[in-house]
Protein backbone atom coordinates (compact mmCIF):
# COMPACT_ATOMS: atom_id res chain seq x y z
CA MET A 1 -0.77 -44.36 -62.48
CA LEU A 2 -0.71 -40.85 -61.03
CA LYS A 3 -4.43 -40.78 -60.55
CA GLN A 4 -4.53 -43.40 -57.78
CA PRO A 5 -2.30 -41.55 -55.38
CA LEU A 6 -4.05 -38.26 -56.19
CA LEU A 7 -7.37 -39.75 -55.29
CA HIS A 8 -5.87 -41.14 -52.08
CA PHE A 9 -4.51 -37.73 -51.23
CA SER A 10 -7.70 -36.08 -51.92
CA LYS A 11 -9.50 -38.37 -49.55
CA PHE A 12 -6.89 -37.61 -46.88
CA THR A 13 -7.20 -33.91 -47.52
CA LEU A 14 -10.97 -34.11 -47.18
CA ALA A 15 -10.67 -36.05 -43.91
CA ALA A 16 -8.21 -33.58 -42.58
CA ALA A 17 -10.39 -30.66 -43.68
CA THR A 18 -13.34 -32.33 -42.03
CA LEU A 19 -11.41 -32.85 -38.81
CA LEU A 20 -10.10 -29.22 -38.94
CA ALA A 21 -13.68 -28.04 -39.38
CA ALA A 22 -14.83 -30.01 -36.46
CA VAL A 23 -11.99 -28.58 -34.31
CA SER A 24 -12.69 -25.13 -35.46
CA LEU A 25 -16.43 -25.61 -34.69
CA SER A 26 -15.52 -26.86 -31.30
CA GLY A 27 -13.29 -23.84 -30.84
CA CYS A 28 -16.16 -21.58 -31.71
CA ASN A 29 -18.15 -23.07 -28.87
CA GLN A 30 -15.36 -22.48 -26.35
CA PRO A 31 -16.11 -19.55 -24.03
CA THR A 32 -13.87 -16.52 -24.00
CA VAL A 33 -11.80 -15.84 -20.93
CA LEU A 34 -14.28 -13.20 -19.71
CA GLU A 35 -17.25 -15.61 -20.42
CA GLU A 36 -15.34 -18.29 -18.43
CA VAL A 37 -14.85 -15.97 -15.45
CA LYS A 38 -18.63 -15.05 -15.48
CA GLN A 39 -19.79 -18.65 -15.94
CA THR A 40 -17.64 -19.98 -13.14
CA GLY A 41 -18.31 -17.00 -10.98
CA THR A 42 -14.68 -16.83 -9.93
CA LEU A 43 -11.79 -14.50 -10.87
CA LYS A 44 -8.52 -16.30 -10.06
CA ILE A 45 -5.49 -14.05 -9.42
CA LEU A 46 -1.91 -14.53 -8.50
CA THR A 47 -0.32 -12.09 -6.12
CA ARG A 48 2.57 -11.77 -3.64
CA ASN A 49 2.32 -11.51 0.13
CA THR A 50 3.77 -8.05 0.60
CA PRO A 51 2.66 -4.68 2.19
CA THR A 52 2.34 -3.20 -1.21
CA THR A 53 0.19 -6.03 -2.71
CA TYR A 54 -1.73 -8.39 -0.40
CA TYR A 55 -1.53 -9.18 3.33
CA GLU A 56 -3.72 -9.91 6.30
CA GLY A 57 -4.50 -6.63 8.11
CA ALA A 58 -6.16 -6.00 11.48
CA ASP A 59 -9.50 -6.05 9.81
CA GLY A 60 -8.88 -8.81 7.24
CA PRO A 61 -7.18 -8.89 3.87
CA ALA A 62 -5.64 -5.73 2.67
CA GLY A 63 -3.10 -4.27 0.23
CA LEU A 64 -3.36 -2.07 -2.87
CA GLU A 65 -3.43 -5.05 -5.33
CA TYR A 66 -6.02 -6.86 -3.22
CA GLU A 67 -8.39 -3.86 -3.07
CA LEU A 68 -8.09 -3.20 -6.81
CA ALA A 69 -8.63 -6.86 -7.68
CA SER A 70 -11.56 -7.06 -5.23
CA MET A 71 -13.18 -4.09 -7.02
CA PHE A 72 -12.56 -5.61 -10.42
CA ALA A 73 -14.22 -8.83 -9.21
CA ASP A 74 -17.21 -6.88 -7.96
CA HIS A 75 -17.19 -4.97 -11.30
CA LEU A 76 -17.52 -8.33 -13.11
CA GLY A 77 -20.01 -9.70 -10.55
CA VAL A 78 -17.88 -12.63 -9.43
CA LYS A 79 -15.99 -13.69 -6.37
CA LEU A 80 -12.23 -13.33 -6.00
CA GLU A 81 -9.91 -16.32 -5.57
CA ILE A 82 -6.37 -15.48 -4.38
CA ASP A 83 -3.10 -17.50 -4.66
CA SER A 84 -0.39 -15.50 -2.93
CA ASN A 85 2.31 -18.07 -2.52
CA HIS A 86 4.49 -16.88 -5.43
CA ASP A 87 7.51 -14.96 -6.35
CA ILE A 88 7.68 -12.89 -9.51
CA GLN A 89 9.22 -15.58 -11.61
CA ASP A 90 6.75 -18.20 -10.51
CA ILE A 91 3.90 -15.74 -11.25
CA TYR A 92 4.83 -15.54 -14.94
CA GLN A 93 5.30 -19.29 -15.18
CA SER A 94 1.98 -19.99 -13.57
CA LEU A 95 0.29 -17.54 -16.02
CA GLU A 96 1.80 -19.39 -18.91
CA GLU A 97 0.53 -22.65 -17.58
CA GLY A 98 -2.97 -21.18 -17.18
CA ASP A 99 -3.17 -21.45 -13.37
CA ALA A 100 -4.91 -18.07 -13.12
CA HIS A 101 -6.70 -15.39 -15.02
CA LEU A 102 -4.48 -12.64 -14.09
CA ALA A 103 -1.61 -11.49 -11.93
CA ALA A 104 -2.08 -8.47 -9.63
CA ALA A 105 1.30 -8.42 -7.93
CA GLY A 106 3.08 -5.13 -8.33
CA LEU A 107 4.45 -6.18 -11.69
CA GLU A 108 6.28 -3.73 -13.89
CA ILE A 109 5.51 -3.40 -17.60
CA SER A 110 8.33 -5.10 -19.35
CA LEU A 111 8.86 -5.10 -23.12
CA GLU A 112 10.62 -8.42 -22.80
CA ARG A 113 7.42 -10.09 -21.47
CA THR A 114 4.90 -8.55 -23.89
CA SER A 115 5.12 -11.68 -26.15
CA GLN A 116 4.11 -13.79 -23.08
CA VAL A 117 1.41 -11.67 -21.39
CA TYR A 118 -1.01 -8.81 -21.85
CA PHE A 119 -0.17 -5.92 -19.58
CA SER A 120 -3.12 -3.73 -18.44
CA GLN A 121 -2.85 0.05 -18.50
CA SER A 122 -0.55 1.31 -15.75
CA TYR A 123 -2.17 2.28 -12.46
CA MET A 124 0.98 3.55 -10.67
CA ASP A 125 4.38 4.88 -11.48
CA VAL A 126 7.28 3.84 -9.25
CA GLN A 127 10.96 4.67 -9.28
CA PRO A 128 13.86 2.32 -8.76
CA VAL A 129 15.94 3.61 -5.80
CA VAL A 130 19.19 2.56 -4.17
CA ILE A 131 18.88 2.26 -0.33
CA TYR A 132 21.72 2.08 2.09
CA ASN A 133 22.20 2.28 5.94
CA ARG A 134 22.44 5.83 7.14
CA LYS A 135 25.27 4.97 9.36
CA GLU A 136 27.50 4.35 6.36
CA LYS A 137 28.91 6.66 3.66
CA THR A 138 26.26 7.70 1.11
CA PRO A 139 26.61 6.05 -2.27
CA ARG A 140 26.12 8.74 -4.89
CA SER A 141 26.31 6.67 -8.10
CA ILE A 142 26.38 3.22 -9.53
CA GLU A 143 30.20 3.21 -9.28
CA ASP A 144 29.91 3.53 -5.50
CA LEU A 145 28.19 0.12 -5.40
CA ILE A 146 31.21 -1.74 -6.86
CA GLY A 147 32.58 -4.04 -4.28
CA LYS A 148 29.47 -3.63 -2.05
CA GLN A 149 27.09 -6.34 -1.00
CA THR A 150 24.03 -5.36 -3.04
CA ALA A 151 20.83 -7.26 -3.55
CA VAL A 152 17.81 -7.08 -5.75
CA ILE A 153 14.59 -9.21 -6.24
CA ALA A 154 14.87 -11.72 -9.07
CA GLY A 155 12.62 -11.27 -12.02
CA THR A 156 12.14 -7.57 -11.64
CA ASN A 157 12.94 -4.78 -14.13
CA ASN A 158 15.52 -3.70 -11.47
CA ALA A 159 17.42 -6.92 -11.90
CA GLN A 160 17.41 -6.42 -15.71
CA LEU A 161 18.52 -2.87 -15.21
CA LEU A 162 21.52 -4.01 -13.33
CA ARG A 163 22.49 -6.36 -16.09
CA GLU A 164 22.36 -3.49 -18.50
CA LEU A 165 24.49 -1.33 -16.23
CA GLN A 166 27.03 -4.15 -15.90
CA GLN A 167 27.76 -3.71 -19.65
CA THR A 168 29.33 -0.28 -18.89
CA HIS A 169 30.44 -1.17 -15.24
CA PRO A 170 31.93 -4.60 -15.70
CA LYS A 171 33.12 -4.83 -12.00
CA LEU A 172 29.59 -4.37 -10.75
CA SER A 173 28.17 -7.38 -8.91
CA TRP A 174 25.03 -8.12 -6.91
CA LYS A 175 22.86 -10.79 -5.40
CA GLU A 176 19.44 -11.82 -6.75
CA THR A 177 16.86 -13.53 -4.61
CA SER A 178 13.46 -15.13 -5.20
CA ASP A 179 13.13 -16.18 -1.58
CA LEU A 180 12.82 -12.64 -0.22
CA GLU A 181 10.73 -9.55 -0.79
CA ALA A 182 11.53 -5.85 -0.66
CA THR A 183 10.67 -5.71 2.95
CA ASP A 184 13.33 -8.24 3.76
CA LEU A 185 15.92 -6.38 1.82
CA ILE A 186 15.04 -3.12 3.63
CA ARG A 187 15.41 -4.84 7.00
CA MET A 188 18.78 -6.36 6.04
CA VAL A 189 20.00 -2.94 5.04
CA HIS A 190 18.64 -1.56 8.25
CA ASP A 191 20.49 -4.29 10.21
CA GLN A 192 23.62 -3.85 8.13
CA GLU A 193 23.39 -7.46 6.63
CA LEU A 194 23.56 -5.76 3.27
CA ASP A 195 25.40 -2.65 2.11
CA ALA A 196 22.69 -1.73 -0.34
CA ALA A 197 19.61 -2.89 -2.13
CA ILE A 198 17.69 -1.78 -5.18
CA ILE A 199 13.87 -1.67 -4.83
CA ASN A 200 11.03 0.37 -6.02
CA SER A 201 10.05 3.66 -4.49
CA ASN A 202 6.59 2.50 -3.39
CA GLU A 203 8.10 -0.50 -1.52
CA PHE A 204 10.52 1.84 0.36
CA ASP A 205 7.81 4.46 1.15
CA ILE A 206 5.50 1.97 2.78
CA ASN A 207 8.25 0.41 4.93
CA LYS A 208 10.76 3.17 5.75
CA ALA A 209 9.06 4.12 9.07
CA TYR A 210 9.76 0.67 10.44
CA TYR A 211 13.34 0.37 9.30
CA SER A 212 14.47 3.95 9.91
CA ARG A 213 18.16 3.33 9.50
CA ALA A 214 17.57 2.43 5.86
CA LYS A 215 17.78 5.53 3.69
CA GLU A 216 17.41 6.42 -0.08
CA ALA A 217 20.76 7.12 -1.71
CA PHE A 218 19.79 8.01 -5.27
CA LYS A 219 17.35 7.12 -7.93
CA LEU A 220 18.63 4.56 -10.47
CA ASP A 221 16.41 4.99 -13.46
CA GLU A 222 13.25 6.76 -14.87
CA PRO A 223 9.93 5.70 -13.41
CA HIS A 224 8.67 2.27 -14.14
CA LYS A 225 4.91 1.53 -14.61
CA LEU A 226 2.98 -1.10 -12.56
CA ALA A 227 0.27 -3.03 -14.21
CA TRP A 228 -1.68 -6.33 -14.18
CA ALA A 229 -0.55 -9.24 -16.40
CA MET A 230 -2.90 -11.65 -18.23
CA PRO A 231 -1.73 -14.71 -20.21
CA LYS A 232 -1.52 -14.10 -23.96
CA HIS A 233 -2.28 -17.56 -25.19
CA ARG A 234 -6.00 -16.91 -24.68
CA ASP A 235 -8.17 -14.19 -26.07
CA ASN A 236 -7.99 -10.49 -24.91
CA THR A 237 -11.59 -10.24 -23.55
CA LEU A 238 -10.40 -10.03 -19.90
CA TYR A 239 -7.72 -7.53 -20.87
CA ASN A 240 -10.45 -5.35 -22.43
CA ALA A 241 -12.63 -5.56 -19.32
CA ALA A 242 -9.64 -4.64 -17.14
CA ARG A 243 -9.04 -1.65 -19.34
CA ASP A 244 -12.60 -0.47 -18.98
CA PHE A 245 -12.44 -1.03 -15.28
CA PHE A 246 -9.26 1.04 -14.85
CA ASN A 247 -10.70 3.80 -17.02
CA GLN A 248 -13.77 3.99 -14.78
CA ILE A 249 -11.96 4.03 -11.46
CA GLU A 250 -9.47 6.65 -12.79
CA ALA A 251 -12.24 8.86 -14.08
CA ASP A 252 -14.36 8.74 -10.88
CA GLY A 253 -11.35 9.21 -8.46
CA THR A 254 -11.50 5.84 -6.85
CA LEU A 255 -8.00 4.82 -7.97
CA SER A 256 -6.46 7.93 -6.44
CA GLN A 257 -8.40 7.41 -3.27
CA VAL A 258 -7.19 3.69 -2.95
CA LYS A 259 -3.56 4.76 -3.61
CA ASP A 260 -3.87 7.49 -0.99
CA ARG A 261 -5.11 4.93 1.61
CA TYR A 262 -1.68 3.14 1.31
CA PHE A 263 0.76 5.76 0.22
CA GLY A 264 -0.78 9.12 1.06
CA HIS A 265 0.72 9.41 4.52
CA THR A 266 4.34 8.21 3.89
CA GLU A 267 6.08 11.57 3.68
CA GLU A 268 5.30 13.15 7.03
CA LEU A 269 7.65 11.70 9.58
CA ASN A 270 11.39 11.96 9.36
CA TYR A 271 14.07 9.75 10.76
CA VAL A 272 14.35 11.65 14.08
CA GLY A 273 10.56 11.66 14.54
CA VAL A 274 10.40 7.90 14.02
CA GLN A 275 13.17 7.22 16.45
CA ILE A 276 11.64 9.37 19.13
CA PHE A 277 8.31 7.75 18.62
CA LEU A 278 9.72 4.19 18.98
CA ARG A 279 11.59 5.26 22.14
CA HIS A 280 8.29 6.66 23.62
CA ILE A 281 6.46 3.41 22.62
CA ARG A 282 8.92 1.52 24.90
CA GLY A 283 9.18 4.12 27.60
CA ARG A 284 5.89 5.92 27.88
CA LEU A 285 3.15 3.94 26.31
CA PRO A 286 3.17 0.97 28.78
CA LYS A 287 1.99 3.31 31.56
CA TYR A 288 -1.18 4.21 29.57
CA GLU A 289 -1.66 1.23 27.23
CA LYS A 290 -4.34 -0.33 29.48
CA HIS A 291 -6.37 2.83 29.43
CA PHE A 292 -6.18 3.15 25.69
CA LYS A 293 -7.37 -0.38 25.24
CA GLN A 294 -10.18 -0.18 27.67
CA ALA A 295 -11.36 3.26 26.37
CA ALA A 296 -11.14 2.06 22.78
CA GLU A 297 -13.22 -1.04 23.47
CA LYS A 298 -15.84 1.00 25.23
CA TYR A 299 -16.19 3.41 22.46
CA ASN A 300 -15.70 0.97 19.56
CA LEU A 301 -12.35 2.32 18.35
CA ASP A 302 -9.05 0.73 17.37
CA TRP A 303 -6.85 1.24 20.52
CA ARG A 304 -3.80 1.89 18.29
CA LEU A 305 -5.61 4.69 16.49
CA LEU A 306 -6.66 6.18 19.79
CA ALA A 307 -3.05 5.95 21.13
CA ALA A 308 -1.69 7.40 17.93
CA THR A 309 -4.10 10.32 18.36
CA GLY A 310 -2.87 10.80 21.90
CA TYR A 311 0.75 10.81 20.77
CA GLN A 312 0.06 13.37 18.14
CA GLU A 313 -1.66 15.49 20.71
CA SER A 314 0.82 15.36 23.63
CA HIS A 315 3.57 12.70 23.02
CA TRP A 316 1.74 10.78 25.81
CA ARG A 317 2.54 13.48 28.45
CA PRO A 318 -0.35 13.68 30.97
CA ARG A 319 0.45 17.36 31.97
CA ALA A 320 0.96 18.61 28.49
CA LYS A 321 -0.42 22.27 27.84
CA SER A 322 -0.79 24.29 24.72
CA PRO A 323 -0.70 28.06 24.47
CA THR A 324 -4.45 27.98 23.82
CA GLY A 325 -5.08 26.20 27.11
CA VAL A 326 -5.89 22.67 25.98
CA ARG A 327 -4.57 20.17 28.46
CA GLY A 328 -3.62 16.54 29.13
CA ILE A 329 -2.78 13.46 27.03
CA MET A 330 -5.64 14.02 24.65
CA MET A 331 -5.40 17.83 24.88
CA LEU A 332 -8.98 18.53 25.56
CA THR A 333 -10.47 22.02 25.76
CA LEU A 334 -12.37 23.00 28.92
CA ASN A 335 -15.70 22.83 27.01
CA THR A 336 -14.95 19.53 25.43
CA ALA A 337 -13.78 18.05 28.71
CA SER A 338 -16.94 19.15 30.42
CA ASP A 339 -19.13 17.78 27.62
CA MET A 340 -17.29 14.45 27.85
CA GLY A 341 -17.63 14.20 31.61
CA VAL A 342 -13.96 14.83 32.32
CA THR A 343 -13.42 16.69 35.70
CA ASN A 344 -9.60 16.58 35.67
CA ARG A 345 -7.90 16.92 32.27
CA LEU A 346 -4.58 16.06 33.85
CA ASP A 347 -5.70 12.58 35.03
CA PRO A 348 -4.45 10.22 32.22
CA LYS A 349 -7.36 7.85 32.46
CA GLN A 350 -9.99 10.50 32.38
CA SER A 351 -8.29 12.35 29.47
CA ILE A 352 -7.97 9.12 27.44
CA TYR A 353 -11.63 8.19 28.11
CA GLY A 354 -12.73 11.71 27.23
CA GLY A 355 -10.69 11.76 24.05
CA ALA A 356 -12.01 8.37 23.07
CA ARG A 357 -15.65 9.46 23.65
CA TYR A 358 -15.08 12.72 21.70
CA LEU A 359 -13.39 10.96 18.67
CA SER A 360 -16.20 8.38 18.61
CA LYS A 361 -18.73 11.14 18.67
CA LEU A 362 -17.13 12.93 15.87
CA ILE A 363 -16.96 9.70 13.69
CA ARG A 364 -20.66 9.20 14.24
CA ARG A 365 -21.36 12.86 13.45
CA MET A 366 -19.89 12.60 9.91
CA PRO A 367 -22.46 12.55 7.21
CA GLU A 368 -23.58 9.05 6.49
CA GLN A 369 -22.39 9.29 2.77
CA ILE A 370 -18.78 9.61 4.07
CA LEU A 371 -17.56 6.01 4.25
CA GLU A 372 -14.53 4.48 5.96
CA PRO A 373 -11.70 5.07 6.04
CA ASP A 374 -12.47 8.73 5.02
CA ARG A 375 -14.93 8.93 7.81
CA THR A 376 -12.18 8.34 10.45
CA TRP A 377 -9.71 10.76 8.69
CA MET A 378 -12.21 13.46 8.59
CA ALA A 379 -13.22 12.94 12.21
CA LEU A 380 -9.50 13.29 13.10
CA ALA A 381 -9.30 16.51 11.12
CA SER A 382 -12.37 17.69 13.08
CA TYR A 383 -10.67 16.73 16.29
CA ASN A 384 -7.87 19.09 15.42
CA VAL A 385 -9.51 21.99 13.53
CA GLY A 386 -13.18 21.72 14.56
CA TYR A 387 -16.14 20.27 12.91
CA GLY A 388 -17.31 23.69 11.58
CA HIS A 389 -14.09 24.31 9.76
CA LEU A 390 -14.10 20.88 8.30
CA GLU A 391 -17.56 21.49 6.90
CA ASP A 392 -16.34 24.76 5.45
CA ALA A 393 -13.55 22.84 3.66
CA ARG A 394 -16.00 20.22 2.38
CA LYS A 395 -18.25 22.96 0.92
CA ILE A 396 -15.11 24.56 -0.77
CA THR A 397 -14.18 21.06 -2.04
CA GLU A 398 -17.71 20.67 -3.59
CA HIS A 399 -17.45 24.20 -5.01
CA MET A 400 -14.25 23.15 -6.81
CA LYS A 401 -16.04 20.18 -8.43
CA LYS A 402 -14.19 17.62 -6.15
CA ASP A 403 -15.75 15.00 -3.90
CA PRO A 404 -16.51 16.44 -0.41
CA ASN A 405 -16.89 12.89 0.95
CA LYS A 406 -13.32 11.80 0.12
CA TRP A 407 -10.46 12.72 2.45
CA ILE A 408 -7.97 12.91 -0.55
CA ASP A 409 -10.03 15.79 -2.03
CA VAL A 410 -11.05 17.58 1.24
CA ARG A 411 -7.33 17.65 2.41
CA GLU A 412 -6.38 19.39 -0.70
CA HIS A 413 -8.74 22.28 -0.04
CA LEU A 414 -8.39 22.58 3.79
CA PRO A 415 -5.43 24.89 3.39
CA LEU A 416 -7.62 27.47 1.61
CA LEU A 417 -9.16 28.19 4.97
CA GLN A 418 -6.12 30.28 5.80
CA LYS A 419 -6.51 32.47 2.73
CA ARG A 420 -8.79 35.46 3.10
CA ASN A 421 -10.16 35.29 -0.40
CA TRP A 422 -11.56 31.94 0.56
CA TYR A 423 -12.30 32.06 4.33
CA ARG A 424 -14.22 35.27 4.23
CA PHE A 425 -16.95 33.45 2.34
CA THR A 426 -17.27 30.52 4.87
CA LYS A 427 -19.39 30.26 7.86
CA HIS A 428 -16.63 29.80 10.41
CA GLY A 429 -13.91 31.93 9.01
CA PHE A 430 -10.21 31.62 9.29
CA ALA A 431 -8.49 28.36 10.25
CA ARG A 432 -4.90 27.03 10.04
CA GLY A 433 -5.92 24.51 7.38
CA GLU A 434 -2.53 23.12 6.92
CA GLU A 435 -2.49 21.85 10.50
CA PRO A 436 -5.21 19.25 10.16
CA VAL A 437 -3.64 17.81 7.04
CA HIS A 438 -0.37 17.22 8.76
CA TYR A 439 -2.18 16.16 11.93
CA VAL A 440 -4.08 13.38 10.10
CA GLN A 441 -1.02 12.23 8.09
CA ASN A 442 1.03 11.91 11.19
CA ILE A 443 -1.55 9.98 13.05
CA ARG A 444 -1.91 7.54 10.19
CA GLN A 445 1.79 6.89 10.21
CA TYR A 446 1.93 6.59 14.02
CA TYR A 447 -0.91 4.17 13.71
CA ASP A 448 0.95 2.08 11.10
CA ILE A 449 4.06 1.95 13.28
CA LEU A 450 2.02 0.98 16.42
CA THR A 451 0.24 -1.79 14.42
CA TRP A 452 3.56 -3.12 13.18
CA TYR A 453 5.14 -2.85 16.60
CA ASP A 454 2.22 -4.54 18.27
CA SER A 455 2.21 -7.42 15.78
CA ARG A 456 5.98 -7.94 16.36
CA LEU A 457 5.42 -8.09 20.22
CA GLN A 458 2.67 -10.66 19.69
CA GLN A 459 4.90 -12.73 17.42
CA VAL A 460 7.68 -12.74 20.00
CA ALA A 461 5.31 -13.68 22.79
CA GLN A 462 3.96 -16.49 20.65
CA ASN A 463 7.42 -17.80 19.83
CA GLN A 464 8.42 -17.71 23.58
CA ALA A 465 5.15 -19.44 24.64
CA THR A 466 5.86 -22.30 22.24
CA GLU A 467 9.61 -22.21 22.93
CA GLN A 468 10.31 -22.17 19.24
CA THR A 469 12.80 -20.04 17.42
CA VAL A 470 12.44 -19.28 13.74
CA ASP A 471 15.68 -19.00 11.57
CA GLU A 472 15.21 -16.90 8.50
CA ALA A 473 16.44 -18.75 5.40
CA VAL A 474 18.27 -16.48 2.90
CA SER A 475 18.90 -17.90 -0.49
CA PHE A 476 20.75 -15.72 -3.06
CA SER A 477 21.76 -16.15 -6.63
CA ILE A 478 24.97 -14.28 -7.00
CA VAL A 479 25.60 -12.32 -10.25
CA PRO A 480 29.41 -11.87 -10.51
CA PRO A 481 31.24 -9.05 -12.13
CA VAL A 482 32.16 -9.47 -15.87
CA LEU A 483 35.77 -10.37 -16.00
């Protein structure tokens, strides 16, 4: 009597095994994630619309994450498809649901999420910082945040860090938001809508010039590591490709160059310098803005870059004069003024047009292997220290086994021109090599502030033209103290 059921069970097992084999065979034919990306010709990424990740710049899409992801897509020979309408919690949910191949969104490596995603190797270290309004008393420790209106972005390691700190500081409370980004929190601290916020150092560095009343109080933790995230329910072929990609761009210096493009100029201006610049944007720039725009258009320059250069040279003072005899808004030497057709260096229009023509000439003069934006940074250094000294610095850079076509490497070696054991071997001799480094860094930051200010003016004008007002919606999840 037992044989009949056993026979039936054996038939069932055979059928199940056949079905399992079929499924397994089908699975063998399923492409890997990397094969899928190459077959479809598209790399789908999730990101966030922030200054540190992805945004629309003056010349199109920009942002550290965008540039890295674009290079990775080129590395794979596919096009990039971007979905940026996400907060951090949405990103992890969308990855789990298979909506994208990876997330390049300024995500921190988190041990809690390693069961859910593969994290690529880290491409940047950031540090959690507490920011406050400089008009208020400086908080010195976590205890000073008790009873304060403090905010943090939901889903970040910083939010988790506060939960851990609450265990030893039970009266600590804060607000978490998924509707805002770090830029919003910085603005709210600047406007005294919040007492404090916890954000990452890179987010503060790239925004602090625009919200100068926001200031770092103290660092909250050891550095966190940023990385890409890839869903773990599929194979690790894309993860391996990302690893190889990051190894390559780190070894050849590309990663450092891209990071420098966004964060390499954030330490030059202090609070007072930013306040003075903003005051001069409102008070002095309107007198000369038309000339900057017209001259920039004539010589194929960005007018805000030209204006930033003029500010670095003279603070937009048409009668400015240096001890070495350079004069005017663009501080032209007699020889340069003559070469550029300027007959009166104190005439604002002539000076601006002469400076624009000279800067354009320097950009064109750079060797063709120097690509943008390095081409512009080196031309600006030339404007300050002279083309010959820049070439000397490039030769020293090459001698030191670094890339003479990358500003990040050349700026490291420019200061050697003021050391005798280096400049005595150069063609053009001594130069104050520190000056062009600070010169270029300041102009880059002035340019960023002008771009931001100009976009704000355009937005206000657009709102006035359409007679619309935009109310910012702020939605917070309140984390109460432990009672």
